[in-house]
Amino acid sequence: MENNTIFESLVDFYNRKFEWIPENLSKDIGHVNVFRLPHPTNKPVPYRRRDFYKVTLCRGGSRLHYADKVFSFEKQALVFSNPFIPYKWEHIENEVSGFYVIFNTIFFNQFGNLIQYEIFQPMGTHVFELDDNQFEHLCGIYEKIETELDSEYIHKYDSIRNLIYELIHFAMKTRPSTRIEQLPINASQRIYWLFLELLERQFPIDENHIEIKLRTASDFADQLNIHINHLNRSVKETCGKTTTNLIGERLLQEAKIMLKQSKWNISEIAFSLGFTEVTHFNNFFKKHLEISPLKFRKA
């Protein structure tokens, strides 16, 4: 089993699966794509976290190592993977078929907070077994996503988001399977996932959610009712980064999104992200990207 503290980015994913990278792939814009199973070059899926979401429709016996659980299904299932939990696919049968759609957090920016759905939460249900009729129905949704991606329709990405929401709500209306083998869960990992959930729940920032409330490691520790040293050790042990680094990375990501996509001025963005002074925000941004927020917005 590979080290689950290693993160696989979208660039890593495309290199591993296809040995090419889409021209439109960028950290500053949303990305979505859909694929059919099996791949012509079907390399093993390593056990690790990804920085993107994945919704898989799979037919064919498989075993999924997913956080603190191992789930086996003999026929077909709809599986939700998220950036918070490492996982690994193990196909029991040689022949598998189906689809999967991948997308990053930015793709749904301003279109809802995915972490509010139980299927994407660290302690939620992520695997749903299907009967033949359900499988065929969901194949139709994935085929529509394929069609939209290939179309010239100006609002095709809105349509694709709606189709992904169809997959989400279909699963949540389906009775979750109970054939799960429980494995011991690492206490540090549990705290780490809860921290990530709290962090992600604060975004995206918009007119209805104009300011983050949890800004420091101490804020998150208080919210989780644990000592800050306990939180910092758990985060460091699980992902190799400090709590402060993870908070800073997420603030930087949101700052870049808002500078490119919102009409808020620099002061409003700085305040919404918890900076009491615009100069503090400017220094923070320049420290990480070596460019001012204003120049980044105009670039």
C-alpha atoms as a PDB file:
ATOM      1  CA  MET A   1       0.000   0.000   0.000  1.00  0.00           C
ATOM      2  CA  GLU A   2       1.351   3.407  -0.917  1.00  0.00           C
ATOM      3  CA  ASN A   3       1.698   6.285   1.485  1.00  0.00           C
ATOM      4  CA  ASN A   4      -1.708   7.930   1.823  1.00  0.00           C
ATOM      5  CA  THR A   5      -0.149  11.300   2.650  1.00  0.00           C
ATOM      6  CA  ILE A   6       0.765  11.738  -1.003  1.00  0.00           C
ATOM      7  CA  PHE A   7      -1.659  13.893  -2.970  1.00  0.00           C
ATOM      8  CA  GLU A   8      -2.505  13.247  -6.604  1.00  0.00           C
ATOM      9  CA  SER A   9      -3.321  16.388  -8.566  1.00  0.00           C
ATOM     10  CA  LEU A  10      -5.278  16.555 -11.802  1.00  0.00           C
ATOM     11  CA  VAL A  11      -1.969  16.875 -13.648  1.00  0.00           C
ATOM     12  CA  ASP A  12      -0.712  13.704 -11.914  1.00  0.00           C
ATOM     13  CA  PHE A  13      -3.957  11.932 -12.783  1.00  0.00           C
ATOM     14  CA  TYR A  14      -3.743  12.720 -16.504  1.00  0.00           C
ATOM     15  CA  ASN A  15      -0.068  11.774 -16.630  1.00  0.00           C
ATOM     16  CA  ARG A  16      -0.730   8.467 -14.861  1.00  0.00           C
ATOM     17  CA  LYS A  17      -3.795   7.509 -16.877  1.00  0.00           C
ATOM     18  CA  PHE A  18      -3.150   8.956 -20.305  1.00  0.00           C
ATOM     19  CA  GLU A  19       0.373  10.434 -20.386  1.00  0.00           C
ATOM     20  CA  TRP A  20      -1.072  13.744 -21.627  1.00  0.00           C
ATOM     21  CA  ILE A  21      -2.522  16.877 -20.053  1.00  0.00           C
ATOM     22  CA  PRO A  22      -5.562  18.803 -21.389  1.00  0.00           C
ATOM     23  CA  GLU A  23      -4.702  22.231 -22.753  1.00  0.00           C
ATOM     24  CA  ASN A  24      -7.431  23.903 -20.693  1.00  0.00           C
ATOM     25  CA  LEU A  25      -6.320  22.408 -17.380  1.00  0.00           C
ATOM     26  CA  SER A  26      -5.633  25.191 -14.876  1.00  0.00           C
ATOM     27  CA  LYS A  27      -5.790  25.672 -11.126  1.00  0.00           C
ATOM     28  CA  ASP A  28      -7.568  28.991 -11.606  1.00  0.00           C
ATOM     29  CA  ILE A  29     -10.558  27.733 -13.602  1.00  0.00           C
ATOM     30  CA  GLY A  30     -12.948  24.893 -13.056  1.00  0.00           C
ATOM     31  CA  HIS A  31     -12.254  21.543 -14.695  1.00  0.00           C
ATOM     32  CA  VAL A  32     -14.564  18.661 -15.531  1.00  0.00           C
ATOM     33  CA  ASN A  33     -14.192  15.566 -17.704  1.00  0.00           C
ATOM     34  CA  VAL A  34     -15.873  12.212 -18.178  1.00  0.00           C
ATOM     35  CA  PHE A  35     -14.383   8.836 -19.132  1.00  0.00           C
ATOM     36  CA  ARG A  36     -15.542   5.335 -19.914  1.00  0.00           C
ATOM     37  CA  LEU A  37     -14.345   2.171 -18.185  1.00  0.00           C
ATOM     38  CA  PRO A  38     -12.122   0.361 -18.786  1.00  0.00           C
ATOM     39  CA  HIS A  39      -9.244   2.558 -19.961  1.00  0.00           C
ATOM     40  CA  PRO A  40      -7.114   1.376 -22.891  1.00  0.00           C
ATOM     41  CA  THR A  41      -4.137   1.721 -20.525  1.00  0.00           C
ATOM     42  CA  ASN A  42      -5.643   0.658 -17.219  1.00  0.00           C
ATOM     43  CA  LYS A  43      -2.856   1.192 -14.683  1.00  0.00           C
ATOM     44  CA  PRO A  44      -3.410   0.392 -10.987  1.00  0.00           C
ATOM     45  CA  VAL A  45      -5.024   3.108  -8.884  1.00  0.00           C
ATOM     46  CA  PRO A  46      -2.710   3.909  -5.949  1.00  0.00           C
ATOM     47  CA  TYR A  47      -3.992   4.404  -2.417  1.00  0.00           C
ATOM     48  CA  ARG A  48      -3.850   8.151  -1.867  1.00  0.00           C
ATOM     49  CA  ARG A  49      -5.804  11.371  -1.659  1.00  0.00           C
ATOM     50  CA  ARG A  50      -6.712  13.387  -4.748  1.00  0.00           C
ATOM     51  CA  ASP A  51      -7.297  17.106  -5.042  1.00  0.00           C
ATOM     52  CA  PHE A  52     -10.437  16.533  -7.124  1.00  0.00           C
ATOM     53  CA  TYR A  53     -13.846  14.858  -6.874  1.00  0.00           C
ATOM     54  CA  LYS A  54     -14.755  11.679  -8.740  1.00  0.00           C
ATOM     55  CA  VAL A  55     -18.129   9.981  -9.251  1.00  0.00           C
ATOM     56  CA  THR A  56     -17.809   6.468 -10.657  1.00  0.00           C
ATOM     57  CA  LEU A  57     -20.442   4.161 -12.130  1.00  0.00           C
ATOM     58  CA  CYS A  58     -18.875   0.706 -12.230  1.00  0.00           C
ATOM     59  CA  ARG A  59     -20.174  -2.693 -13.341  1.00  0.00           C
ATOM     60  CA  GLY A  60     -17.980  -5.644 -12.429  1.00  0.00           C
ATOM     61  CA  GLY A  61     -16.847  -7.112  -9.125  1.00  0.00           C
ATOM     62  CA  SER A  62     -14.655  -4.644  -7.260  1.00  0.00           C
ATOM     63  CA  ARG A  63     -13.237  -3.909  -3.852  1.00  0.00           C
ATOM     64  CA  LEU A  64     -12.828  -0.323  -2.749  1.00  0.00           C
ATOM     65  CA  HIS A  65     -10.405   0.626   0.012  1.00  0.00           C
ATOM     66  CA  TYR A  66     -11.938   3.872   1.160  1.00  0.00           C
ATOM     67  CA  ALA A  67     -10.741   5.651   4.296  1.00  0.00           C
ATOM     68  CA  ASP A  68     -11.686   3.479   7.297  1.00  0.00           C
ATOM     69  CA  LYS A  69     -13.753   0.974   5.290  1.00  0.00           C
ATOM     70  CA  VAL A  70     -13.337  -1.762   2.719  1.00  0.00           C
ATOM     71  CA  PHE A  71     -16.404  -2.175   0.530  1.00  0.00           C
ATOM     72  CA  SER A  72     -16.907  -5.078  -1.871  1.00  0.00           C
ATOM     73  CA  PHE A  73     -19.604  -5.244  -4.514  1.00  0.00           C
ATOM     74  CA  GLU A  74     -20.141  -8.131  -6.901  1.00  0.00           C
ATOM     75  CA  LYS A  75     -22.234  -6.481  -9.580  1.00  0.00           C
ATOM     76  CA  GLN A  76     -22.463  -2.688  -9.923  1.00  0.00           C
ATOM     77  CA  ALA A  77     -22.302   0.458  -7.830  1.00  0.00           C
ATOM     78  CA  LEU A  78     -22.171   4.247  -7.824  1.00  0.00           C
ATOM     79  CA  VAL A  79     -19.154   5.514  -5.885  1.00  0.00           C
ATOM     80  CA  PHE A  80     -18.364   9.036  -4.644  1.00  0.00           C
ATOM     81  CA  SER A  81     -14.750  10.015  -3.988  1.00  0.00           C
ATOM     82  CA  ASN A  82     -13.650  13.374  -2.604  1.00  0.00           C
ATOM     83  CA  PRO A  83     -10.459  15.314  -1.808  1.00  0.00           C
ATOM     84  CA  PHE A  84     -10.666  14.520   1.909  1.00  0.00           C
ATOM     85  CA  ILE A  85     -10.306  10.734   1.895  1.00  0.00           C
ATOM     86  CA  PRO A  86      -7.687   8.454   0.320  1.00  0.00           C
ATOM     87  CA  TYR A  87      -8.940   5.452  -1.626  1.00  0.00           C
ATOM     88  CA  LYS A  88      -7.847   2.609  -3.862  1.00  0.00           C
ATOM     89  CA  TRP A  89      -9.752   0.512  -6.408  1.00  0.00           C
ATOM     90  CA  GLU A  90      -9.163  -3.230  -6.630  1.00  0.00           C
ATOM     91  CA  HIS A  91     -11.056  -4.986  -9.416  1.00  0.00           C
ATOM     92  CA  ILE A  92     -12.062  -8.528  -8.480  1.00  0.00           C
ATOM     93  CA  GLU A  93     -13.171  -9.367 -12.023  1.00  0.00           C
ATOM     94  CA  ASN A  94     -11.120  -8.889 -15.174  1.00  0.00           C
ATOM     95  CA  GLU A  95     -13.972  -7.244 -17.077  1.00  0.00           C
ATOM     96  CA  VAL A  96     -15.377  -3.973 -15.793  1.00  0.00           C
ATOM     97  CA  SER A  97     -17.435  -1.312 -17.538  1.00  0.00           C
ATOM     98  CA  GLY A  98     -19.046   1.997 -16.758  1.00  0.00           C
ATOM     99  CA  PHE A  99     -18.139   5.682 -16.517  1.00  0.00           C
ATOM    100  CA  TYR A 100     -16.646   8.212 -14.193  1.00  0.00           C
ATOM    101  CA  VAL A 101     -16.708  11.988 -14.070  1.00  0.00           C
ATOM    102  CA  ILE A 102     -13.976  14.062 -12.407  1.00  0.00           C
ATOM    103  CA  PHE A 103     -14.143  17.719 -11.387  1.00  0.00           C
ATOM    104  CA  ASN A 104     -12.406  20.067  -8.991  1.00  0.00           C
ATOM    105  CA  THR A 105     -13.817  22.298  -6.269  1.00  0.00           C
ATOM    106  CA  ILE A 106     -13.514  25.390  -8.446  1.00  0.00           C
ATOM    107  CA  PHE A 107     -15.868  23.886 -11.021  1.00  0.00           C
ATOM    108  CA  PHE A 108     -18.698  24.217  -8.488  1.00  0.00           C
ATOM    109  CA  ASN A 109     -17.640  27.606  -7.159  1.00  0.00           C
ATOM    110  CA  GLN A 110     -20.767  29.783  -6.747  1.00  0.00           C
ATOM    111  CA  PHE A 111     -22.917  26.726  -7.581  1.00  0.00           C
ATOM    112  CA  GLY A 112     -23.261  25.146  -4.167  1.00  0.00           C
ATOM    113  CA  ASN A 113     -21.084  23.679  -1.434  1.00  0.00           C
ATOM    114  CA  LEU A 114     -20.542  19.980  -2.092  1.00  0.00           C
ATOM    115  CA  ILE A 115     -19.408  19.241   1.452  1.00  0.00           C
ATOM    116  CA  GLN A 116     -22.984  19.849   2.648  1.00  0.00           C
ATOM    117  CA  TYR A 117     -23.930  16.507   1.062  1.00  0.00           C
ATOM    118  CA  GLU A 118     -23.442  13.456   3.243  1.00  0.00           C
ATOM    119  CA  ILE A 119     -21.954  11.465   0.363  1.00  0.00           C
ATOM    120  CA  PHE A 120     -18.972  13.836   0.252  1.00  0.00           C
ATOM    121  CA  GLN A 121     -18.459  14.184   4.002  1.00  0.00           C
ATOM    122  CA  PRO A 122     -15.575  12.319   5.653  1.00  0.00           C
ATOM    123  CA  MET A 123     -17.867  10.155   7.782  1.00  0.00           C
ATOM    124  CA  GLY A 124     -20.622   9.774   5.173  1.00  0.00           C
ATOM    125  CA  THR A 125     -21.760   6.902   2.952  1.00  0.00           C
ATOM    126  CA  HIS A 126     -19.869   6.861  -0.335  1.00  0.00           C
ATOM    127  CA  VAL A 127     -20.774   3.592  -2.076  1.00  0.00           C
ATOM    128  CA  PHE A 128     -24.245   2.673  -3.355  1.00  0.00           C
ATOM    129  CA  GLU A 129     -25.034  -0.702  -4.900  1.00  0.00           C
ATOM    130  CA  LEU A 130     -27.420  -0.678  -7.864  1.00  0.00           C
ATOM    131  CA  ASP A 131     -29.802  -2.992  -9.653  1.00  0.00           C
ATOM    132  CA  ASP A 132     -29.780  -3.360 -13.442  1.00  0.00           C
ATOM    133  CA  ASN A 133     -32.446  -0.729 -14.066  1.00  0.00           C
ATOM    134  CA  GLN A 134     -30.693   1.812 -11.856  1.00  0.00           C
ATOM    135  CA  PHE A 135     -27.405   1.152 -13.599  1.00  0.00           C
ATOM    136  CA  GLU A 136     -28.919   1.676 -17.048  1.00  0.00           C
ATOM    137  CA  HIS A 137     -30.636   4.882 -15.890  1.00  0.00           C
ATOM    138  CA  LEU A 138     -27.355   6.303 -14.612  1.00  0.00           C
ATOM    139  CA  CYS A 139     -25.547   5.316 -17.813  1.00  0.00           C
ATOM    140  CA  GLY A 140     -27.936   7.674 -19.569  1.00  0.00           C
ATOM    141  CA  ILE A 141     -26.859  10.553 -17.311  1.00  0.00           C
ATOM    142  CA  TYR A 142     -23.188   9.941 -18.020  1.00  0.00           C
ATOM    143  CA  GLU A 143     -23.909   9.778 -21.749  1.00  0.00           C
ATOM    144  CA  LYS A 144     -25.599  13.179 -21.482  1.00  0.00           C
ATOM    145  CA  ILE A 145     -22.467  14.545 -19.784  1.00  0.00           C
ATOM    146  CA  GLU A 146     -20.407  13.214 -22.698  1.00  0.00           C
ATOM    147  CA  THR A 147     -22.735  14.866 -25.184  1.00  0.00           C
ATOM    148  CA  GLU A 148     -22.628  18.206 -23.377  1.00  0.00           C
ATOM    149  CA  LEU A 149     -18.827  18.188 -23.176  1.00  0.00           C
ATOM    150  CA  ASP A 150     -18.601  17.670 -26.937  1.00  0.00           C
ATOM    151  CA  SER A 151     -21.192  20.336 -27.707  1.00  0.00           C
ATOM    152  CA  GLU A 152     -20.733  24.026 -28.546  1.00  0.00           C
ATOM    153  CA  TYR A 153     -23.574  25.071 -26.245  1.00  0.00           C
ATOM    154  CA  ILE A 154     -22.480  28.247 -24.447  1.00  0.00           C
ATOM    155  CA  HIS A 155     -23.978  27.133 -21.108  1.00  0.00           C
ATOM    156  CA  LYS A 156     -22.901  23.496 -21.333  1.00  0.00           C
ATOM    157  CA  TYR A 157     -21.007  23.594 -18.023  1.00  0.00           C
ATOM    158  CA  ASP A 158     -24.142  24.695 -16.187  1.00  0.00           C
ATOM    159  CA  SER A 159     -25.912  21.754 -17.770  1.00  0.00           C
ATOM    160  CA  ILE A 160     -23.123  19.388 -16.681  1.00  0.00           C
ATOM    161  CA  ARG A 161     -23.302  20.667 -13.103  1.00  0.00           C
ATOM    162  CA  ASN A 162     -27.022  19.889 -13.118  1.00  0.00           C
ATOM    163  CA  LEU A 163     -26.322  16.377 -14.379  1.00  0.00           C
ATOM    164  CA  ILE A 164     -23.751  15.812 -11.625  1.00  0.00           C
ATOM    165  CA  TYR A 165     -26.340  17.002  -9.121  1.00  0.00           C
ATOM    166  CA  GLU A 166     -28.669  14.369 -10.589  1.00  0.00           C
ATOM    167  CA  LEU A 167     -26.089  11.717  -9.687  1.00  0.00           C
ATOM    168  CA  ILE A 168     -25.743  13.147  -6.177  1.00  0.00           C
ATOM    169  CA  HIS A 169     -29.468  13.261  -5.460  1.00  0.00           C
ATOM    170  CA  PHE A 170     -30.081   9.865  -7.045  1.00  0.00           C
ATOM    171  CA  ALA A 171     -27.616   8.328  -4.589  1.00  0.00           C
ATOM    172  CA  MET A 172     -28.986  10.176  -1.597  1.00  0.00           C
ATOM    173  CA  LYS A 173     -32.483   8.909  -2.389  1.00  0.00           C
ATOM    174  CA  THR A 174     -31.151   5.359  -2.646  1.00  0.00           C
ATOM    175  CA  ARG A 175     -30.938   3.199   0.441  1.00  0.00           C
ATOM    176  CA  PRO A 176     -27.242   2.843   1.234  1.00  0.00           C
ATOM    177  CA  SER A 177     -25.775  -0.620   1.286  1.00  0.00           C
ATOM    178  CA  THR A 178     -24.781  -2.093   4.642  1.00  0.00           C
ATOM    179  CA  ARG A 179     -22.223  -4.703   3.514  1.00  0.00           C
ATOM    180  CA  ILE A 180     -19.260  -2.835   4.919  1.00  0.00           C
ATOM    181  CA  GLU A 181     -16.270  -4.324   6.695  1.00  0.00           C
ATOM    182  CA  GLN A 182     -15.290  -1.947   9.495  1.00  0.00           C
ATOM    183  CA  LEU A 183     -11.584  -1.294   9.947  1.00  0.00           C
ATOM    184  CA  PRO A 184      -9.946   0.461  12.870  1.00  0.00           C
ATOM    185  CA  ILE A 185      -9.855   4.193  12.224  1.00  0.00           C
ATOM    186  CA  ASN A 186      -6.835   6.241  13.093  1.00  0.00           C
ATOM    187  CA  ALA A 187      -7.753   8.940  15.628  1.00  0.00           C
ATOM    188  CA  SER A 188      -5.444  11.468  13.986  1.00  0.00           C
ATOM    189  CA  GLN A 189      -7.073  10.856  10.611  1.00  0.00           C
ATOM    190  CA  ARG A 190     -10.530  11.377  12.089  1.00  0.00           C
ATOM    191  CA  ILE A 191      -9.517  14.747  13.524  1.00  0.00           C
ATOM    192  CA  TYR A 192      -7.828  15.678  10.257  1.00  0.00           C
ATOM    193  CA  TRP A 193     -10.955  14.902   8.203  1.00  0.00           C
ATOM    194  CA  LEU A 194     -13.168  16.838  10.612  1.00  0.00           C
ATOM    195  CA  PHE A 195     -10.796  19.791  10.356  1.00  0.00           C
ATOM    196  CA  LEU A 196     -10.921  19.656   6.543  1.00  0.00           C
ATOM    197  CA  GLU A 197     -14.692  19.478   6.611  1.00  0.00           C
ATOM    198  CA  LEU A 198     -14.900  22.578   8.814  1.00  0.00           C
ATOM    199  CA  LEU A 199     -12.390  24.377   6.597  1.00  0.00           C
ATOM    200  CA  GLU A 200     -14.170  23.567   3.335  1.00  0.00           C
ATOM    201  CA  ARG A 201     -17.601  24.337   4.761  1.00  0.00           C
ATOM    202  CA  GLN A 202     -16.672  28.029   4.867  1.00  0.00           C
ATOM    203  CA  PHE A 203     -16.468  28.277   1.069  1.00  0.00           C
ATOM    204  CA  PRO A 204     -17.359  29.532  -1.445  1.00  0.00           C
ATOM    205  CA  ILE A 205     -17.618  33.136  -0.269  1.00  0.00           C
ATOM    206  CA  ASP A 206     -20.469  35.062  -1.874  1.00  0.00           C
ATOM    207  CA  GLU A 207     -23.262  37.523  -1.102  1.00  0.00           C
ATOM    208  CA  ASN A 208     -24.973  34.965   1.139  1.00  0.00           C
ATOM    209  CA  HIS A 209     -21.770  33.946   2.902  1.00  0.00           C
ATOM    210  CA  ILE A 210     -19.590  37.003   3.006  1.00  0.00           C
ATOM    211  CA  GLU A 211     -17.029  36.197   5.661  1.00  0.00           C
ATOM    212  CA  ILE A 212     -15.182  33.206   7.067  1.00  0.00           C
ATOM    213  CA  LYS A 213     -15.420  32.639  10.810  1.00  0.00           C
ATOM    214  CA  LEU A 214     -12.610  30.132  11.405  1.00  0.00           C
ATOM    215  CA  ARG A 215      -9.284  31.675  10.455  1.00  0.00           C
ATOM    216  CA  THR A 216      -6.557  30.192  12.679  1.00  0.00           C
ATOM    217  CA  ALA A 217      -5.523  26.793  13.986  1.00  0.00           C
ATOM    218  CA  SER A 218      -6.750  27.924  17.405  1.00  0.00           C
ATOM    219  CA  ASP A 219     -10.191  28.716  15.945  1.00  0.00           C
ATOM    220  CA  PHE A 220     -10.506  25.201  14.528  1.00  0.00           C
ATOM    221  CA  ALA A 221      -9.236  23.576  17.723  1.00  0.00           C
ATOM    222  CA  ASP A 222     -11.843  25.449  19.753  1.00  0.00           C
ATOM    223  CA  GLN A 223     -14.573  24.408  17.313  1.00  0.00           C
ATOM    224  CA  LEU A 224     -13.488  20.758  17.537  1.00  0.00           C
ATOM    225  CA  ASN A 225     -13.159  21.036  21.331  1.00  0.00           C
ATOM    226  CA  ILE A 226      -9.577  19.767  21.352  1.00  0.00           C
ATOM    227  CA  HIS A 227      -6.244  21.285  22.337  1.00  0.00           C
ATOM    228  CA  ILE A 228      -4.479  23.122  19.540  1.00  0.00           C
ATOM    229  CA  ASN A 229      -1.387  20.931  19.956  1.00  0.00           C
ATOM    230  CA  HIS A 230      -3.566  17.839  19.440  1.00  0.00           C
ATOM    231  CA  LEU A 231      -4.992  19.303  16.232  1.00  0.00           C
ATOM    232  CA  ASN A 232      -1.566  20.307  14.913  1.00  0.00           C
ATOM    233  CA  ARG A 233      -0.087  16.863  15.612  1.00  0.00           C
ATOM    234  CA  SER A 234      -3.026  15.084  13.939  1.00  0.00           C
ATOM    235  CA  VAL A 235      -2.839  17.234  10.814  1.00  0.00           C
ATOM    236  CA  LYS A 236       0.941  16.936  10.539  1.00  0.00           C
ATOM    237  CA  GLU A 237       0.850  13.170  11.108  1.00  0.00           C
ATOM    238  CA  THR A 238      -1.842  12.597   8.483  1.00  0.00           C
ATOM    239  CA  CYS A 239      -0.836  14.844   5.587  1.00  0.00           C
ATOM    240  CA  GLY A 240       2.671  16.070   6.361  1.00  0.00           C
ATOM    241  CA  LYS A 241       1.633  19.722   6.381  1.00  0.00           C
ATOM    242  CA  THR A 242       0.907  22.095   9.236  1.00  0.00           C
ATOM    243  CA  THR A 243      -2.585  23.285  10.089  1.00  0.00           C
ATOM    244  CA  THR A 244      -1.553  26.848   9.319  1.00  0.00           C
ATOM    245  CA  ASN A 245      -0.202  25.824   5.895  1.00  0.00           C
ATOM    246  CA  LEU A 246      -3.460  24.109   4.937  1.00  0.00           C
ATOM    247  CA  ILE A 247      -5.518  27.095   6.040  1.00  0.00           C
ATOM    248  CA  GLY A 248      -3.227  29.426   4.090  1.00  0.00           C
ATOM    249  CA  GLU A 249      -3.407  27.294   0.949  1.00  0.00           C
ATOM    250  CA  ARG A 250      -7.210  27.283   1.052  1.00  0.00           C
ATOM    251  CA  LEU A 251      -7.369  31.042   1.663  1.00  0.00           C
ATOM    252  CA  LEU A 252      -5.013  31.600  -1.266  1.00  0.00           C
ATOM    253  CA  GLN A 253      -7.139  29.388  -3.525  1.00  0.00           C
ATOM    254  CA  GLU A 254     -10.296  31.295  -2.621  1.00  0.00           C
ATOM    255  CA  ALA A 255      -8.521  34.640  -3.024  1.00  0.00           C
ATOM    256  CA  LYS A 256      -7.483  33.694  -6.580  1.00  0.00           C
ATOM    257  CA  ILE A 257     -11.035  32.613  -7.413  1.00  0.00           C
ATOM    258  CA  MET A 258     -12.554  35.819  -6.077  1.00  0.00           C
ATOM    259  CA  LEU A 259     -10.011  38.052  -7.793  1.00  0.00           C
ATOM    260  CA  LYS A 260     -10.787  36.431 -11.156  1.00  0.00           C
ATOM    261  CA  GLN A 261     -14.499  35.751 -10.858  1.00  0.00           C
ATOM    262  CA  SER A 262     -16.048  38.260  -8.446  1.00  0.00           C
ATOM    263  CA  LYS A 263     -16.616  41.996  -8.739  1.00  0.00           C
ATOM    264  CA  TRP A 264     -15.608  42.632  -5.137  1.00  0.00           C
ATOM    265  CA  ASN A 265     -12.774  45.091  -4.629  1.00  0.00           C
ATOM    266  CA  ILE A 266      -9.509  44.124  -2.969  1.00  0.00           C
ATOM    267  CA  SER A 267     -10.586  45.475   0.429  1.00  0.00           C
ATOM    268  CA  GLU A 268     -13.826  43.483   0.382  1.00  0.00           C
ATOM    269  CA  ILE A 269     -11.994  40.305  -0.565  1.00  0.00           C
ATOM    270  CA  ALA A 270      -9.385  40.845   2.146  1.00  0.00           C
ATOM    271  CA  PHE A 271     -12.071  41.400   4.793  1.00  0.00           C
ATOM    272  CA  SER A 272     -14.089  38.357   3.713  1.00  0.00           C
ATOM    273  CA  LEU A 273     -10.993  36.166   4.098  1.00  0.00           C
ATOM    274  CA  GLY A 274     -10.342  37.383   7.607  1.00  0.00           C
ATOM    275  CA  PHE A 275      -7.601  39.950   7.000  1.00  0.00           C
ATOM    276  CA  THR A 276      -8.067  43.009   9.208  1.00  0.00           C
ATOM    277  CA  GLU A 277      -5.869  45.167   6.980  1.00  0.00           C
ATOM    278  CA  VAL A 278      -5.582  45.223   3.192  1.00  0.00           C
ATOM    279  CA  THR A 279      -1.807  45.440   3.521  1.00  0.00           C
ATOM    280  CA  HIS A 280      -1.809  42.126   5.401  1.00  0.00           C
ATOM    281  CA  PHE A 281      -3.724  40.526   2.548  1.00  0.00           C
ATOM    282  CA  ASN A 282      -1.389  42.042  -0.049  1.00  0.00           C
ATOM    283  CA  ASN A 283       1.668  40.770   1.820  1.00  0.00           C
ATOM    284  CA  PHE A 284       0.118  37.310   2.204  1.00  0.00           C
ATOM    285  CA  PHE A 285      -0.716  37.098  -1.507  1.00  0.00           C
ATOM    286  CA  LYS A 286       2.679  38.401  -2.675  1.00  0.00           C
ATOM    287  CA  LYS A 287       4.492  36.008  -0.332  1.00  0.00           C
ATOM    288  CA  HIS A 288       2.915  33.007  -2.042  1.00  0.00           C
ATOM    289  CA  LEU A 289       2.642  34.168  -5.673  1.00  0.00           C
ATOM    290  CA  GLU A 290       5.234  36.966  -5.893  1.00  0.00           C
ATOM    291  CA  ILE A 291       2.613  39.243  -7.414  1.00  0.00           C
ATOM    292  CA  SER A 292       0.107  41.657  -5.902  1.00  0.00           C
ATOM    293  CA  PRO A 293      -3.620  40.844  -5.851  1.00  0.00           C
ATOM    294  CA  LEU A 294      -4.308  43.776  -8.172  1.00  0.00           C
ATOM    295  CA  LYS A 295      -1.763  42.640 -10.762  1.00  0.00           C
ATOM    296  CA  PHE A 296      -3.079  39.082 -10.520  1.00  0.00           C
ATOM    297  CA  ARG A 297      -6.617  40.342 -11.205  1.00  0.00           C
ATOM    298  CA  LYS A 298      -5.483  42.308 -14.268  1.00  0.00           C
ATOM    299  CA  ALA A 299      -3.283  39.542 -15.665  1.00  0.00           C
END
